[in-house]
Protein backbone atom coordinates (compact mmCIF):
# COMPACT_ATOMS: atom_id res chain seq x y z
CA MET A 1 65.89 -81.31 23.31
CA SER A 2 68.48 -83.99 22.67
CA LYS A 3 69.93 -85.41 19.43
CA ILE A 4 71.33 -88.47 18.47
CA ILE A 5 74.56 -88.24 16.05
CA TYR A 6 76.48 -90.81 14.43
CA SER A 7 79.47 -91.08 11.51
CA ASN A 8 78.47 -92.71 8.30
CA SER A 9 80.58 -94.75 6.68
CA ASP A 10 81.15 -92.06 3.89
CA GLY A 11 82.61 -89.78 6.75
CA THR A 12 79.46 -87.76 6.83
CA VAL A 13 77.48 -87.26 10.08
CA SER A 14 73.85 -88.08 10.58
CA ILE A 15 71.85 -86.37 13.00
CA ILE A 16 68.48 -87.93 14.32
CA THR A 17 66.21 -85.43 16.21
CA PRO A 18 63.48 -87.30 18.17
CA SER A 19 59.89 -85.34 17.53
CA SER A 20 57.58 -84.65 20.17
CA ASN A 21 55.63 -87.84 19.85
CA VAL A 22 58.66 -90.08 19.36
CA SER A 23 60.79 -90.67 22.30
CA LEU A 24 64.70 -90.82 22.38
CA GLU A 25 64.74 -94.27 23.25
CA ARG A 26 62.41 -95.05 20.01
CA ALA A 27 64.39 -93.02 17.91
CA LYS A 28 67.72 -94.87 18.80
CA GLN A 29 66.06 -97.66 17.06
CA ASP A 30 66.83 -95.75 13.72
CA VAL A 31 70.52 -95.69 14.11
CA PRO A 32 72.16 -98.54 11.84
CA SER A 33 73.02 -101.83 13.45
CA GLY A 34 76.47 -101.80 15.06
CA VAL A 35 76.83 -98.17 14.52
CA SER A 36 78.42 -96.21 17.53
CA TYR A 37 76.09 -92.89 18.34
CA GLU A 38 76.03 -90.45 21.09
CA VAL A 39 73.20 -88.44 22.80
CA VAL A 40 74.15 -84.69 22.73
CA ASP A 41 72.20 -81.27 23.60
CA ASP A 42 70.86 -79.21 20.68
CA ASN A 43 73.79 -76.63 21.06
CA LYS A 44 76.28 -79.49 20.38
CA VAL A 45 74.88 -79.57 16.38
CA PRO A 46 75.87 -76.62 14.23
CA THR A 47 72.60 -74.58 13.44
CA ASP A 48 73.98 -73.19 9.96
CA ARG A 49 73.91 -75.76 7.54
CA THR A 50 76.03 -73.77 5.05
CA PHE A 51 78.47 -76.68 4.90
CA ARG A 52 76.20 -79.59 6.22
CA ASN A 53 78.34 -82.26 4.09
CA ALA A 54 81.57 -81.08 6.11
CA TRP A 55 80.07 -81.90 9.49
CA VAL A 56 82.39 -84.54 11.38
CA LYS A 57 81.30 -86.11 14.96
CA GLY A 58 83.62 -85.67 17.85
CA SER A 59 83.90 -86.53 21.20
CA GLY A 60 79.86 -85.52 21.94
CA VAL A 61 80.00 -82.58 19.61
CA VAL A 62 79.35 -82.18 15.71
CA THR A 63 81.91 -79.70 14.11
CA GLU A 64 82.56 -78.44 10.71
CA ASP A 65 85.83 -79.58 8.97
CA VAL A 66 87.56 -76.78 7.40
CA THR A 67 89.27 -78.91 4.66
CA LYS A 68 85.75 -80.41 3.69
CA SER A 69 84.32 -76.90 3.91
CA LYS A 70 86.56 -75.46 1.73
CA VAL A 71 85.97 -78.34 -1.10
CA LEU A 72 82.02 -77.53 -0.70
CA ALA A 73 83.19 -73.59 -1.04
CA HIS A 74 84.65 -74.26 -3.92
CA GLY A 75 81.90 -75.86 -5.59
CA THR A 76 79.64 -73.23 -4.64
CA ARG A 77 82.17 -70.71 -5.94
CA ARG A 78 82.17 -72.56 -9.51
CA GLU A 79 78.18 -72.51 -9.49
CA LYS A 80 78.12 -68.76 -9.08
CA ARG A 81 80.65 -68.00 -11.64
CA ALA A 82 78.80 -70.01 -14.18
CA VAL A 83 75.74 -68.02 -13.46
CA GLU A 84 77.62 -64.83 -13.96
CA PHE A 85 79.49 -66.42 -16.98
CA LYS A 86 76.20 -67.66 -18.72
CA PRO A 87 74.90 -64.52 -20.60
CA HIS A 88 78.41 -63.49 -21.64
CA ASP A 89 79.20 -66.98 -22.90
CA ASP A 90 75.88 -66.92 -24.92
CA THR A 91 76.86 -63.73 -26.41
CA ILE A 92 80.08 -64.96 -27.52
CA SER A 93 79.15 -68.46 -28.53
CA LEU A 94 76.13 -67.75 -30.15
CA ASN A 95 77.56 -64.75 -32.28
CA ILE A 96 74.44 -63.06 -31.66
CA PRO A 97 73.83 -59.97 -34.54
CA GLY A 98 73.84 -56.75 -32.94
CA THR A 99 75.80 -57.95 -29.89
CA ASP A 100 78.95 -56.51 -28.67
CA THR A 101 81.38 -59.68 -28.18
CA SER A 102 84.24 -57.69 -27.11
CA ALA A 103 82.34 -55.99 -24.36
CA ALA A 104 81.33 -59.69 -23.04
CA GLU A 105 84.80 -60.69 -23.26
CA THR A 106 85.64 -57.99 -21.04
CA SER A 107 82.87 -58.62 -18.52
CA ARG A 108 84.29 -62.35 -18.52
CA ALA A 109 87.84 -61.20 -18.05
CA ALA A 110 86.28 -59.65 -14.61
CA ILE A 111 84.48 -62.25 -13.58
CA ARG A 112 87.58 -64.42 -14.11
CA THR A 113 89.59 -61.97 -11.54
CA LYS A 114 86.92 -61.96 -9.19
CA TYR A 115 86.33 -65.37 -8.74
CA ALA A 116 89.83 -66.21 -8.83
CA THR A 117 90.45 -63.75 -6.09
CA MET A 118 87.78 -65.65 -4.28
CA GLN A 119 89.25 -69.06 -4.85
CA THR A 120 92.38 -67.54 -3.14
CA ASN A 121 90.69 -66.31 -0.04
CA ILE A 122 89.16 -69.62 0.28
CA ASP A 123 92.37 -71.57 0.22
CA ASN A 124 94.06 -69.19 2.69
CA ALA A 125 90.87 -69.05 5.23
CA THR A 126 91.75 -70.63 8.59
CA ASP A 127 88.13 -71.03 9.89
CA ILE A 128 84.43 -71.45 8.56
CA ALA A 129 83.94 -67.68 8.97
CA GLY A 130 86.91 -66.83 6.66
CA ILE A 131 85.31 -69.45 4.23
CA LYS A 132 82.18 -67.96 4.49
CA THR A 133 83.57 -63.96 4.12
CA ALA A 134 85.48 -65.32 1.15
CA LEU A 135 82.17 -66.62 -0.52
CA GLY A 136 80.72 -62.94 0.13
CA GLY A 137 78.46 -64.08 2.59
């Protein structure tokens, strides 16, 4: 199946996939006026959407930009870290009676180390696979 790809003014890529009851010619009408587009085969568009907002349109293909993917990965890293920090932050900030704040702080230190290492690994990655590995996936 063919897809229509074009770049948006913000640097992202839009992809139009005609459905079985919409022709390619009809789908082309959905491309904004004055925007350059290409019709490509399915296999020219990534199937993994992990870094969807880092996709860029090349000549007849959509690829993942490594630098943009790293920015997205750092956002994911921060979100994961916040989830792991939350129960320990609550223990410390709420000063809940009967809780061990020193144990919470020890856990927070381990989490900081884990995510600092992840940050370094993301920064040092040279390709998308390396970024995904750094994120643990």
